[in-house]
C-alpha atoms as a PDB file:
ATOM      1  CA  MET A   1      22.050  21.897  -1.224  1.00  0.00           C
ATOM      2  CA  ARG A   2      24.551  21.966   1.643  1.00  0.00           C
ATOM      3  CA  ASP A   3      28.258  22.654   1.344  1.00  0.00           C
ATOM      4  CA  PRO A   4      29.836  19.233   0.538  1.00  0.00           C
ATOM      5  CA  LYS A   5      32.809  20.155   2.716  1.00  0.00           C
ATOM      6  CA  GLN A   6      30.576  20.441   5.793  1.00  0.00           C
ATOM      7  CA  ILE A   7      29.080  17.520   7.714  1.00  0.00           C
ATOM      8  CA  LEU A   8      27.077  19.454  10.295  1.00  0.00           C
ATOM      9  CA  ASN A   9      23.453  19.478  11.461  1.00  0.00           C
ATOM     10  CA  ILE A  10      22.267  16.942   8.894  1.00  0.00           C
ATOM     11  CA  PRO A  11      18.442  16.615   8.994  1.00  0.00           C
ATOM     12  CA  THR A  12      17.896  13.025  10.123  1.00  0.00           C
ATOM     13  CA  ASN A  13      14.797  10.836  10.392  1.00  0.00           C
ATOM     14  CA  VAL A  14      14.325   7.408  11.939  1.00  0.00           C
ATOM     15  CA  ILE A  15      11.763   5.399   9.984  1.00  0.00           C
ATOM     16  CA  THR A  16      10.737   2.398  12.012  1.00  0.00           C
ATOM     17  CA  GLY A  17       8.029  -0.247  12.191  1.00  0.00           C
ATOM     18  CA  PHE A  18       7.601  -3.941  12.899  1.00  0.00           C
ATOM     19  CA  LEU A  19       8.313  -6.700  10.375  1.00  0.00           C
ATOM     20  CA  GLY A  20       6.221  -6.225   7.242  1.00  0.00           C
ATOM     21  CA  ALA A  21       4.972  -2.732   8.045  1.00  0.00           C
ATOM     22  CA  GLY A  22       6.356  -1.296   4.801  1.00  0.00           C
ATOM     23  CA  LYS A  23       9.447   0.675   5.863  1.00  0.00           C
ATOM     24  CA  THR A  24      11.497   0.011   2.747  1.00  0.00           C
ATOM     25  CA  THR A  25       8.566   0.776   0.440  1.00  0.00           C
ATOM     26  CA  ALA A  26       8.069   4.087   2.262  1.00  0.00           C
ATOM     27  CA  ILE A  27      11.747   4.978   1.875  1.00  0.00           C
ATOM     28  CA  LEU A  28      11.608   4.177  -1.847  1.00  0.00           C
ATOM     29  CA  HIS A  29       8.651   6.547  -2.183  1.00  0.00           C
ATOM     30  CA  LEU A  30      10.504   9.314  -0.341  1.00  0.00           C
ATOM     31  CA  LEU A  31      13.594   8.865  -2.505  1.00  0.00           C
ATOM     32  CA  LYS A  32      11.511   8.970  -5.657  1.00  0.00           C
ATOM     33  CA  ASN A  33      10.183  12.378  -4.648  1.00  0.00           C
ATOM     34  CA  LYS A  34      13.300  13.936  -3.106  1.00  0.00           C
ATOM     35  CA  PRO A  35      14.601  17.243  -4.544  1.00  0.00           C
ATOM     36  CA  GLN A  36      16.782  16.428  -7.564  1.00  0.00           C
ATOM     37  CA  ASN A  37      19.632  18.650  -6.398  1.00  0.00           C
ATOM     38  CA  GLU A  38      19.918  17.022  -2.956  1.00  0.00           C
ATOM     39  CA  ARG A  39      22.060  14.108  -1.799  1.00  0.00           C
ATOM     40  CA  TRP A  40      20.226  11.696   0.523  1.00  0.00           C
ATOM     41  CA  ALA A  41      21.809   8.903   2.551  1.00  0.00           C
ATOM     42  CA  VAL A  42      20.060   5.809   3.936  1.00  0.00           C
ATOM     43  CA  LEU A  43      21.388   3.589   6.736  1.00  0.00           C
ATOM     44  CA  VAL A  44      19.593   0.235   6.622  1.00  0.00           C
ATOM     45  CA  ASN A  45      19.656  -2.285   9.470  1.00  0.00           C
ATOM     46  CA  GLU A  46      18.374  -5.826   8.912  1.00  0.00           C
ATOM     47  CA  PHE A  47      17.470  -8.706  11.189  1.00  0.00           C
ATOM     48  CA  GLY A  48      19.363 -11.346   9.204  1.00  0.00           C
ATOM     49  CA  GLU A  49      22.841 -11.560   7.704  1.00  0.00           C
ATOM     50  CA  ILE A  50      21.896 -11.474   4.023  1.00  0.00           C
ATOM     51  CA  GLY A  51      20.858  -7.834   3.581  1.00  0.00           C
ATOM     52  CA  ILE A  52      17.898  -7.436   1.216  1.00  0.00           C
ATOM     53  CA  ASP A  53      16.491  -3.941   1.836  1.00  0.00           C
ATOM     54  CA  GLY A  54      19.711  -2.173   0.933  1.00  0.00           C
ATOM     55  CA  GLN A  55      19.892  -4.108  -2.325  1.00  0.00           C
ATOM     56  CA  ILE A  56      16.290  -3.193  -3.158  1.00  0.00           C
ATOM     57  CA  ILE A  57      17.031   0.508  -2.702  1.00  0.00           C
ATOM     58  CA  LYS A  58      20.312   0.262  -4.630  1.00  0.00           C
ATOM     59  CA  GLY A  59      18.398  -1.503  -7.405  1.00  0.00           C
ATOM     60  CA  LYS A  60      16.235   1.588  -7.809  1.00  0.00           C
ATOM     61  CA  TYR A  61      18.629   4.451  -7.166  1.00  0.00           C
ATOM     62  CA  SER A  62      22.287   5.181  -7.859  1.00  0.00           C
ATOM     63  CA  GLU A  63      24.786   7.536  -6.245  1.00  0.00           C
ATOM     64  CA  LYS A  64      25.891   9.153  -9.485  1.00  0.00           C
ATOM     65  CA  GLU A  65      22.537   9.647 -11.205  1.00  0.00           C
ATOM     66  CA  GLN A  66      20.081  10.169  -8.329  1.00  0.00           C
ATOM     67  CA  GLY A  67      22.338  11.223  -5.456  1.00  0.00           C
ATOM     68  CA  VAL A  68      21.226   8.369  -3.167  1.00  0.00           C
ATOM     69  CA  TYR A  69      23.797   6.678  -0.896  1.00  0.00           C
ATOM     70  CA  ILE A  70      23.098   3.390   0.892  1.00  0.00           C
ATOM     71  CA  LYS A  71      24.911   1.641   3.749  1.00  0.00           C
ATOM     72  CA  GLU A  72      23.772  -1.688   5.228  1.00  0.00           C
ATOM     73  CA  VAL A  73      24.219  -3.030   8.754  1.00  0.00           C
ATOM     74  CA  PRO A  74      23.019  -6.672   8.627  1.00  0.00           C
ATOM     75  CA  GLY A  75      22.881  -9.230  11.401  1.00  0.00           C
ATOM     76  CA  GLY A  76      20.507  -8.035  14.117  1.00  0.00           C
ATOM     77  CA  CYS A  77      20.044  -4.730  15.917  1.00  0.00           C
ATOM     78  CA  MET A  78      22.779  -2.287  14.870  1.00  0.00           C
ATOM     79  CA  CYS A  79      22.867  -0.801  18.385  1.00  0.00           C
ATOM     80  CA  CYS A  80      24.089  -4.015  20.005  1.00  0.00           C
ATOM     81  CA  THR A  81      27.571  -4.055  21.562  1.00  0.00           C
ATOM     82  CA  ALA A  82      27.278  -0.478  22.781  1.00  0.00           C
ATOM     83  CA  GLY A  83      26.213   0.782  19.374  1.00  0.00           C
ATOM     84  CA  THR A  84      29.569   0.086  17.726  1.00  0.00           C
ATOM     85  CA  PRO A  85      28.223  -1.355  14.412  1.00  0.00           C
ATOM     86  CA  MET A  86      25.973   1.650  13.956  1.00  0.00           C
ATOM     87  CA  ARG A  87      28.659   4.192  14.819  1.00  0.00           C
ATOM     88  CA  ILE A  88      31.128   2.686  12.355  1.00  0.00           C
ATOM     89  CA  ALA A  89      28.600   2.364   9.523  1.00  0.00           C
ATOM     90  CA  LEU A  90      27.176   5.836  10.112  1.00  0.00           C
ATOM     91  CA  ASN A  91      30.611   7.466  10.149  1.00  0.00           C
ATOM     92  CA  GLN A  92      31.517   5.742   6.885  1.00  0.00           C
ATOM     93  CA  LEU A  93      28.223   6.681   5.237  1.00  0.00           C
ATOM     94  CA  LEU A  94      28.370  10.348   6.232  1.00  0.00           C
ATOM     95  CA  LYS A  95      32.008  10.720   5.185  1.00  0.00           C
ATOM     96  CA  HIS A  96      31.284   9.195   1.780  1.00  0.00           C
ATOM     97  CA  SER A  97      27.942  10.852   0.995  1.00  0.00           C
ATOM     98  CA  LYS A  98      28.004  14.230   2.798  1.00  0.00           C
ATOM     99  CA  PRO A  99      24.193  14.200   2.547  1.00  0.00           C
ATOM    100  CA  ASP A 100      21.509  16.862   2.671  1.00  0.00           C
ATOM    101  CA  ARG A 101      19.276  14.394   4.533  1.00  0.00           C
ATOM    102  CA  LEU A 102      19.822  11.093   6.345  1.00  0.00           C
ATOM    103  CA  LEU A 103      17.184   8.362   6.701  1.00  0.00           C
ATOM    104  CA  ILE A 104      17.714   5.501   9.143  1.00  0.00           C
ATOM    105  CA  GLU A 105      15.731   2.266   8.883  1.00  0.00           C
ATOM    106  CA  PRO A 106      16.261   0.064  11.975  1.00  0.00           C
ATOM    107  CA  THR A 107      15.371  -3.610  11.795  1.00  0.00           C
ATOM    108  CA  GLY A 108      11.753  -4.341  12.654  1.00  0.00           C
ATOM    109  CA  LEU A 109      12.951  -6.372  15.646  1.00  0.00           C
ATOM    110  CA  GLY A 110      15.546  -3.855  16.836  1.00  0.00           C
ATOM    111  CA  HIS A 111      15.502  -1.212  19.543  1.00  0.00           C
ATOM    112  CA  PRO A 112      14.618   2.212  18.111  1.00  0.00           C
ATOM    113  CA  ILE A 113      15.156   3.997  21.427  1.00  0.00           C
ATOM    114  CA  GLU A 114      18.795   2.884  21.418  1.00  0.00           C
ATOM    115  CA  VAL A 115      19.143   4.089  17.826  1.00  0.00           C
ATOM    116  CA  ILE A 116      17.896   7.526  18.875  1.00  0.00           C
ATOM    117  CA  GLN A 117      20.193   7.532  21.904  1.00  0.00           C
ATOM    118  CA  THR A 118      23.146   6.907  19.607  1.00  0.00           C
ATOM    119  CA  LEU A 119      22.080   9.698  17.243  1.00  0.00           C
ATOM    120  CA  THR A 120      21.735  12.177  20.104  1.00  0.00           C
ATOM    121  CA  SER A 121      24.972  11.147  21.820  1.00  0.00           C
ATOM    122  CA  LYS A 122      27.871  13.545  22.307  1.00  0.00           C
ATOM    123  CA  HIS A 123      29.742  12.015  19.375  1.00  0.00           C
ATOM    124  CA  PHE A 124      27.006  12.746  16.809  1.00  0.00           C
ATOM    125  CA  LYS A 125      25.473  15.867  18.365  1.00  0.00           C
ATOM    126  CA  PRO A 126      27.278  18.365  16.064  1.00  0.00           C
ATOM    127  CA  VAL A 127      26.579  16.199  13.005  1.00  0.00           C
ATOM    128  CA  ILE A 128      22.990  14.992  13.413  1.00  0.00           C
ATOM    129  CA  GLU A 129      19.891  17.167  13.650  1.00  0.00           C
ATOM    130  CA  LEU A 130      17.247  14.649  14.652  1.00  0.00           C
ATOM    131  CA  GLN A 131      13.876  15.568  13.155  1.00  0.00           C
ATOM    132  CA  LYS A 132      10.567  13.701  13.015  1.00  0.00           C
ATOM    133  CA  THR A 133      10.456   9.980  13.792  1.00  0.00           C
ATOM    134  CA  ILE A 134       8.088   7.960  11.610  1.00  0.00           C
ATOM    135  CA  THR A 135       6.554   4.629  12.654  1.00  0.00           C
ATOM    136  CA  LEU A 136       4.723   2.507  10.098  1.00  0.00           C
ATOM    137  CA  ILE A 137       2.146  -0.003  11.239  1.00  0.00           C
ATOM    138  CA  ASP A 138      -0.268  -2.471   9.695  1.00  0.00           C
ATOM    139  CA  ALA A 139      -3.353  -1.731  11.806  1.00  0.00           C
ATOM    140  CA  ARG A 140      -4.776  -5.187  11.112  1.00  0.00           C
ATOM    141  CA  ASN A 141      -2.128  -6.589  13.486  1.00  0.00           C
ATOM    142  CA  LEU A 142      -3.637  -4.794  16.475  1.00  0.00           C
ATOM    143  CA  SER A 143      -5.945  -7.763  17.005  1.00  0.00           C
ATOM    144  CA  ASP A 144      -2.950 -10.102  17.340  1.00  0.00           C
ATOM    145  CA  LYS A 145      -1.255 -10.430  20.738  1.00  0.00           C
ATOM    146  CA  ARG A 146       2.017 -11.437  19.060  1.00  0.00           C
ATOM    147  CA  TYR A 147       2.267  -7.761  18.115  1.00  0.00           C
ATOM    148  CA  THR A 148       0.506  -5.899  20.917  1.00  0.00           C
ATOM    149  CA  GLU A 149       2.377  -7.810  23.636  1.00  0.00           C
ATOM    150  CA  HIS A 150       5.760  -7.424  21.935  1.00  0.00           C
ATOM    151  CA  PRO A 151       7.920  -4.756  23.690  1.00  0.00           C
ATOM    152  CA  THR A 152       9.588  -3.616  20.457  1.00  0.00           C
ATOM    153  CA  PHE A 153       6.252  -3.135  18.686  1.00  0.00           C
ATOM    154  CA  ASN A 154       5.055  -0.837  21.471  1.00  0.00           C
ATOM    155  CA  GLN A 155       8.403   0.913  21.762  1.00  0.00           C
ATOM    156  CA  GLN A 156       8.231   1.820  18.065  1.00  0.00           C
ATOM    157  CA  LEU A 157       4.888   3.509  18.663  1.00  0.00           C
ATOM    158  CA  SER A 158       5.993   5.253  21.848  1.00  0.00           C
ATOM    159  CA  ILE A 159       8.769   7.211  20.095  1.00  0.00           C
ATOM    160  CA  ALA A 160       6.774   8.201  16.988  1.00  0.00           C
ATOM    161  CA  ASP A 161       6.004  11.772  15.986  1.00  0.00           C
ATOM    162  CA  HIS A 162       3.943  10.409  13.100  1.00  0.00           C
ATOM    163  CA  VAL A 163       2.246   7.002  12.964  1.00  0.00           C
ATOM    164  CA  ILE A 164       1.512   5.822   9.433  1.00  0.00           C
ATOM    165  CA  GLY A 165      -1.336   3.308   9.162  1.00  0.00           C
ATOM    166  CA  ASN A 166       0.021   1.629   6.032  1.00  0.00           C
ATOM    167  CA  LYS A 167      -1.904  -0.733   3.686  1.00  0.00           C
ATOM    168  CA  ASP A 168      -5.049   1.300   4.288  1.00  0.00           C
ATOM    169  CA  ASP A 169      -6.628  -0.198   1.162  1.00  0.00           C
ATOM    170  CA  LEU A 170      -6.848  -3.515   3.051  1.00  0.00           C
ATOM    171  CA  TYR A 171      -8.394  -2.061   6.238  1.00  0.00           C
ATOM    172  CA  LYS A 172     -11.890  -2.275   7.597  1.00  0.00           C
ATOM    173  CA  ASP A 173     -13.301   0.698   9.486  1.00  0.00           C
ATOM    174  CA  SER A 174     -12.693  -1.244  12.693  1.00  0.00           C
ATOM    175  CA  ASP A 175      -8.942  -1.405  11.896  1.00  0.00           C
ATOM    176  CA  ARG A 176      -8.684   2.382  11.602  1.00  0.00           C
ATOM    177  CA  LYS A 177     -10.649   2.881  14.798  1.00  0.00           C
ATOM    178  CA  ALA A 178      -8.443   0.331  16.602  1.00  0.00           C
ATOM    179  CA  LEU A 179      -5.300   2.248  15.601  1.00  0.00           C
ATOM    180  CA  LEU A 180      -6.660   5.566  16.862  1.00  0.00           C
ATOM    181  CA  ILE A 181      -7.608   3.993  20.202  1.00  0.00           C
ATOM    182  CA  TYR A 182      -4.296   2.125  20.536  1.00  0.00           C
ATOM    183  CA  ALA A 183      -2.342   5.288  19.768  1.00  0.00           C
ATOM    184  CA  GLN A 184      -4.079   7.115  22.616  1.00  0.00           C
ATOM    185  CA  GLU A 185      -2.734   4.519  25.037  1.00  0.00           C
ATOM    186  CA  HIS A 186       0.757   3.917  23.629  1.00  0.00           C
ATOM    187  CA  CYS A 187       1.884   7.040  21.756  1.00  0.00           C
ATOM    188  CA  LYS A 188       2.908  10.596  22.605  1.00  0.00           C
ATOM    189  CA  LYS A 189       0.036  12.986  23.281  1.00  0.00           C
ATOM    190  CA  ASP A 190       0.871  15.087  20.227  1.00  0.00           C
ATOM    191  CA  VAL A 191       1.426  12.165  17.842  1.00  0.00           C
ATOM    192  CA  GLN A 192      -0.178  12.515  14.423  1.00  0.00           C
ATOM    193  CA  ILE A 193      -1.929   9.592  12.746  1.00  0.00           C
ATOM    194  CA  HIS A 194      -2.038   9.153   8.972  1.00  0.00           C
ATOM    195  CA  PHE A 195      -3.435   6.420   6.746  1.00  0.00           C
ATOM    196  CA  THR A 196      -1.907   5.526   3.401  1.00  0.00           C
ATOM    197  CA  GLU A 197      -1.191   2.820   0.838  1.00  0.00           C
ATOM    198  CA  ASN A 198       2.134   1.492  -0.438  1.00  0.00           C
ATOM    199  CA  GLY A 199       4.074   3.465   2.185  1.00  0.00           C
ATOM    200  CA  ALA A 200       3.381   6.718   0.328  1.00  0.00           C
ATOM    201  CA  PHE A 201       3.372   9.830   2.508  1.00  0.00           C
ATOM    202  CA  THR A 202       4.499  13.395   1.910  1.00  0.00           C
ATOM    203  CA  ALA A 203       8.103  14.298   2.716  1.00  0.00           C
ATOM    204  CA  GLU A 204       6.769  17.305   4.670  1.00  0.00           C
ATOM    205  CA  LEU A 205       6.207  14.928   7.576  1.00  0.00           C
ATOM    206  CA  LEU A 206       9.971  14.525   7.922  1.00  0.00           C
ATOM    207  CA  ASN A 207      10.619  18.146   8.797  1.00  0.00           C
ATOM    208  CA  LYS A 208      11.159  19.313  12.362  1.00  0.00           C
ATOM    209  CA  ASN A 209       8.958  22.368  11.872  1.00  0.00           C
ATOM    210  CA  PHE A 210       6.060  20.470  10.284  1.00  0.00           C
ATOM    211  CA  ILE A 211       2.768  21.280  12.006  1.00  0.00           C
ATOM    212  CA  GLY A 212      -0.353  19.495  10.886  1.00  0.00           C
ATOM    213  CA  LYS A 213      -3.411  17.678  12.061  1.00  0.00           C
ATOM    214  CA  ASN A 214      -4.294  14.018  12.067  1.00  0.00           C
ATOM    215  CA  LYS A 215      -5.492  13.274   8.585  1.00  0.00           C
ATOM    216  CA  THR A 216      -5.906  10.653   5.938  1.00  0.00           C
ATOM    217  CA  HIS A 217      -3.271  10.913   3.227  1.00  0.00           C
ATOM    218  CA  LYS A 218      -3.453   8.418   0.368  1.00  0.00           C
ATOM    219  CA  PRO A 219      -1.289   9.311  -2.631  1.00  0.00           C
ATOM    220  CA  LYS A 220      -0.885   6.560  -5.192  1.00  0.00           C
ATOM    221  CA  GLN A 221       2.555   5.173  -5.875  1.00  0.00           C
ATOM    222  CA  GLU A 222       3.665   4.406  -9.423  1.00  0.00           C
ATOM    223  CA  TRP A 223       6.657   2.187 -10.068  1.00  0.00           C
ATOM    224  CA  LEU A 224       8.845   2.775 -13.102  1.00  0.00           C
ATOM    225  CA  GLN A 225       8.918  -0.357 -15.229  1.00  0.00           C
ATOM    226  CA  GLN A 226      12.537  -0.828 -16.197  1.00  0.00           C
ATOM    227  CA  ASP A 227      14.516  -3.524 -17.977  1.00  0.00           C
ATOM    228  CA  ALA A 228      16.729  -5.630 -15.741  1.00  0.00           C
ATOM    229  CA  ALA A 229      20.486  -5.350 -16.064  1.00  0.00           C
ATOM    230  CA  THR A 230      23.120  -7.685 -14.737  1.00  0.00           C
ATOM    231  CA  ALA A 231      25.970  -6.761 -12.449  1.00  0.00           C
ATOM    232  CA  SER A 232      29.312  -8.359 -11.693  1.00  0.00           C
ATOM    233  CA  LYS A 233      29.392 -11.800 -10.158  1.00  0.00           C
ATOM    234  CA  ALA A 234      29.665 -12.256  -6.406  1.00  0.00           C
ATOM    235  CA  THR A 235      31.246 -15.053  -4.442  1.00  0.00           C
ATOM    236  CA  PHE A 236      28.842 -17.830  -3.516  1.00  0.00           C
ATOM    237  CA  SER A 237      27.894 -17.785   0.143  1.00  0.00           C
ATOM    238  CA  LEU A 238      25.514 -20.005   2.115  1.00  0.00           C
ATOM    239  CA  ILE A 239      24.034 -18.668   5.346  1.00  0.00           C
ATOM    240  CA  LYS A 240      22.614 -21.243   7.731  1.00  0.00           C
ATOM    241  CA  PRO A 241      19.840 -20.355  10.213  1.00  0.00           C
ATOM    242  CA  ILE A 242      21.150 -17.359  12.168  1.00  0.00           C
ATOM    243  CA  ALA A 243      20.123 -14.390  14.293  1.00  0.00           C
ATOM    244  CA  ALA A 244      17.740 -16.488  16.359  1.00  0.00           C
ATOM    245  CA  THR A 245      15.525 -14.937  18.982  1.00  0.00           C
ATOM    246  CA  GLU A 246      13.195 -16.753  21.323  1.00  0.00           C
ATOM    247  CA  GLU A 247      10.438 -16.322  18.737  1.00  0.00           C
ATOM    248  CA  LEU A 248      11.961 -16.117  15.269  1.00  0.00           C
ATOM    249  CA  LYS A 249      14.857 -17.388  13.203  1.00  0.00           C
ATOM    250  CA  SER A 250      16.178 -16.334   9.832  1.00  0.00           C
ATOM    251  CA  THR A 251      17.892 -18.142   6.991  1.00  0.00           C
ATOM    252  CA  GLY A 252      18.978 -17.093   3.556  1.00  0.00           C
ATOM    253  CA  LEU A 253      21.128 -17.529   0.482  1.00  0.00           C
ATOM    254  CA  LYS A 254      23.388 -15.422  -1.715  1.00  0.00           C
ATOM    255  CA  LEU A 255      23.938 -16.639  -5.289  1.00  0.00           C
ATOM    256  CA  THR A 256      25.926 -15.246  -8.195  1.00  0.00           C
ATOM    257  CA  LEU A 257      24.156 -13.591 -11.110  1.00  0.00           C
ATOM    258  CA  ASP A 258      24.949 -16.382 -13.555  1.00  0.00           C
ATOM    259  CA  ILE A 259      21.979 -18.057 -11.854  1.00  0.00           C
ATOM    260  CA  GLN A 260      18.585 -17.089 -13.240  1.00  0.00           C
ATOM    261  CA  PHE A 261      15.247 -18.084 -11.709  1.00  0.00           C
ATOM    262  CA  ASN A 262      12.057 -19.216 -13.337  1.00  0.00           C
ATOM    263  CA  TYR A 263       9.421 -16.648 -12.414  1.00  0.00           C
ATOM    264  CA  LEU A 264       6.464 -19.047 -12.383  1.00  0.00           C
ATOM    265  CA  LYS A 265       8.312 -21.627 -10.272  1.00  0.00           C
ATOM    266  CA  LEU A 266       9.214 -18.885  -7.780  1.00  0.00           C
ATOM    267  CA  LYS A 267       5.546 -17.899  -7.513  1.00  0.00           C
ATOM    268  CA  VAL A 268       4.632 -21.502  -6.641  1.00  0.00           C
ATOM    269  CA  PHE A 269       7.426 -21.703  -4.051  1.00  0.00           C
ATOM    270  CA  PHE A 270       6.472 -18.390  -2.440  1.00  0.00           C
ATOM    271  CA  GLY A 271       2.797 -19.416  -2.392  1.00  0.00           C
ATOM    272  CA  GLU A 272       3.638 -22.525  -0.352  1.00  0.00           C
ATOM    273  CA  LEU A 273       6.068 -20.770   1.986  1.00  0.00           C
ATOM    274  CA  LYS A 274       4.987 -20.766   5.632  1.00  0.00           C
ATOM    275  CA  ALA A 275       6.948 -17.849   7.068  1.00  0.00           C
ATOM    276  CA  GLU A 276       6.475 -14.659   9.008  1.00  0.00           C
ATOM    277  CA  ARG A 277       8.451 -12.706   6.432  1.00  0.00           C
ATOM    278  CA  MET A 278      10.320 -13.244   3.169  1.00  0.00           C
ATOM    279  CA  LYS A 279      12.349 -10.764   1.140  1.00  0.00           C
ATOM    280  CA  ALA A 280      14.345 -11.451  -2.002  1.00  0.00           C
ATOM    281  CA  VAL A 281      16.068  -9.714  -4.909  1.00  0.00           C
ATOM    282  CA  LEU A 282      16.405 -12.158  -7.791  1.00  0.00           C
ATOM    283  CA  ARG A 283      17.333 -12.311 -11.450  1.00  0.00           C
ATOM    284  CA  THR A 284      14.410 -14.022 -13.203  1.00  0.00           C
ATOM    285  CA  ASP A 285      13.410 -14.819 -16.789  1.00  0.00           C
ATOM    286  CA  ARG A 286      11.235 -11.685 -16.512  1.00  0.00           C
ATOM    287  CA  GLY A 287      14.006  -9.390 -15.296  1.00  0.00           C
ATOM    288  CA  ALA A 288      15.386  -8.414 -11.878  1.00  0.00           C
ATOM    289  CA  ILE A 289      12.600  -8.367  -9.282  1.00  0.00           C
ATOM    290  CA  ALA A 290      12.303  -7.666  -5.550  1.00  0.00           C
ATOM    291  CA  PHE A 291       9.829 -10.056  -3.884  1.00  0.00           C
ATOM    292  CA  ASN A 292       8.286  -9.322  -0.503  1.00  0.00           C
ATOM    293  CA  ILE A 293       5.979 -11.515   1.582  1.00  0.00           C
ATOM    294  CA  SER A 294       4.404  -9.957   4.636  1.00  0.00           C
ATOM    295  CA  THR A 295       1.287 -11.008   6.543  1.00  0.00           C
ATOM    296  CA  ASP A 296      -0.893 -12.464   3.785  1.00  0.00           C
ATOM    297  CA  SER A 297       0.366 -10.793   0.626  1.00  0.00           C
ATOM    298  CA  LEU A 298       3.161 -11.093  -1.942  1.00  0.00           C
ATOM    299  CA  SER A 299       4.382  -7.932  -3.660  1.00  0.00           C
ATOM    300  CA  GLU A 300       6.826  -7.510  -6.543  1.00  0.00           C
ATOM    301  CA  THR A 301       8.960  -4.534  -7.575  1.00  0.00           C
ATOM    302  CA  PRO A 302      10.934  -4.429 -10.850  1.00  0.00           C
ATOM    303  CA  LEU A 303      14.559  -3.380 -10.350  1.00  0.00           C
ATOM    304  CA  GLU A 304      17.036  -1.869 -12.778  1.00  0.00           C
ATOM    305  CA  VAL A 305      20.112  -3.603 -11.418  1.00  0.00           C
ATOM    306  CA  ILE A 306      21.046  -6.003  -8.618  1.00  0.00           C
ATOM    307  CA  LYS A 307      24.448  -6.951  -7.236  1.00  0.00           C
ATOM    308  CA  GLU A 308      23.619 -10.620  -6.712  1.00  0.00           C
ATOM    309  CA  ASN A 309      20.703 -12.959  -6.055  1.00  0.00           C
ATOM    310  CA  ARG A 310      19.617 -12.801  -2.418  1.00  0.00           C
ATOM    311  CA  ILE A 311      16.798 -14.272  -0.352  1.00  0.00           C
ATOM    312  CA  GLU A 312      16.035 -14.045   3.375  1.00  0.00           C
ATOM    313  CA  ILE A 313      13.262 -15.912   5.222  1.00  0.00           C
ATOM    314  CA  ILE A 314      12.144 -15.163   8.784  1.00  0.00           C
ATOM    315  CA  ALA A 315      10.036 -17.819  10.500  1.00  0.00           C
ATOM    316  CA  LYS A 316       9.334 -19.515  13.800  1.00  0.00           C
ATOM    317  CA  GLU A 317      10.932 -22.678  12.478  1.00  0.00           C
ATOM    318  CA  ILE A 318      13.276 -23.165   9.520  1.00  0.00           C
ATOM    319  CA  ASP A 319      12.157 -25.873   7.088  1.00  0.00           C
ATOM    320  CA  LYS A 320      15.189 -27.775   5.789  1.00  0.00           C
ATOM    321  CA  LYS A 321      13.378 -28.380   2.480  1.00  0.00           C
ATOM    322  CA  TRP A 322      13.203 -24.658   1.640  1.00  0.00           C
ATOM    323  CA  GLU A 323      16.710 -24.526   0.198  1.00  0.00           C
ATOM    324  CA  GLU A 324      16.068 -27.519  -2.087  1.00  0.00           C
ATOM    325  CA  LYS A 325      12.756 -26.091  -3.294  1.00  0.00           C
ATOM    326  CA  PHE A 326      14.331 -22.705  -3.871  1.00  0.00           C
ATOM    327  CA  ARG A 327      17.172 -24.238  -5.886  1.00  0.00           C
ATOM    328  CA  ASP A 328      14.616 -26.116  -7.997  1.00  0.00           C
ATOM    329  CA  CYS A 329      13.456 -22.699  -9.249  1.00  0.00           C
ATOM    330  CA  GLN A 330      16.898 -21.995 -10.726  1.00  0.00           C
ATOM    331  CA  GLU A 331      17.957 -22.208 -14.323  1.00  0.00           C
ATOM    332  CA  ARG A 332      21.500 -21.567 -15.564  1.00  0.00           C
ATOM    333  CA  ALA A 333      21.705 -18.477 -17.787  1.00  0.00           C
ATOM    334  CA  ASP A 334      24.448 -16.739 -19.744  1.00  0.00           C
ATOM    335  CA  THR A 335      25.535 -13.335 -18.379  1.00  0.00           C
END
């Protein structure tokens, strides 16, 4: 464990990947297996204004008990406006946490090269020791031109030291072969390819001095089933469609914790949702749960505590009926 008075040469990893690749799940796995005596910090950047990923991580880990410190930068790429949002958030996070390791999760639609340029700039050079960059990918998307012709998707692969073919349990042999071929054309010559499930890969890959061969690595991830707990109320806030790009838009809601959701009604709503991506942390009649829709699957993660109810939807077009349908899943509950 480093001297808490020193903020120098902090081992730092960028963990990137396109929407739905499994970045947050991978970070949760790494945090679960971090050395108990170390303090780890995570800087999370999200496409929309709501901020879901940071809440998911905070719902699993606390500063006091697990030594995990989280800082969110919502609202598009954190390197926009000459990197000012990232610089401010990173300075605040490092000053507060004084970590033994820093993980940075850029938005899936952001610019990872600009993130790395900020980390290696003169300002952060004495503080940051940039180590391996990890890019997660769902290899099934390599047959879809919406991914392979997207500059950010290819940029994420071009900077990777390790490419993680996530969701390997859903692959066909042709998907694995396609990733190996695509990596030869778009990645560094010495890139290492790994295949895994649930974002689970060994923390050894993070280290600058790690030397290994391309291999299949498939540890199983086990989630701790914990009772949900409520937190203090937050001010109601409605976010209209924001952060639009030429291809995608996002919309979301924040609601106070005196609102509880019916689990079964949520499942029906999520099943009918036509969106590229959906993330939510919600208080339900079955406890606090993080919901995640990506590609063709819905995953759920029990959480110990959440700050407030949050949902964010990313889609080509925003359906005005989504808010009404989402509110129909609510039921007033005592806190």
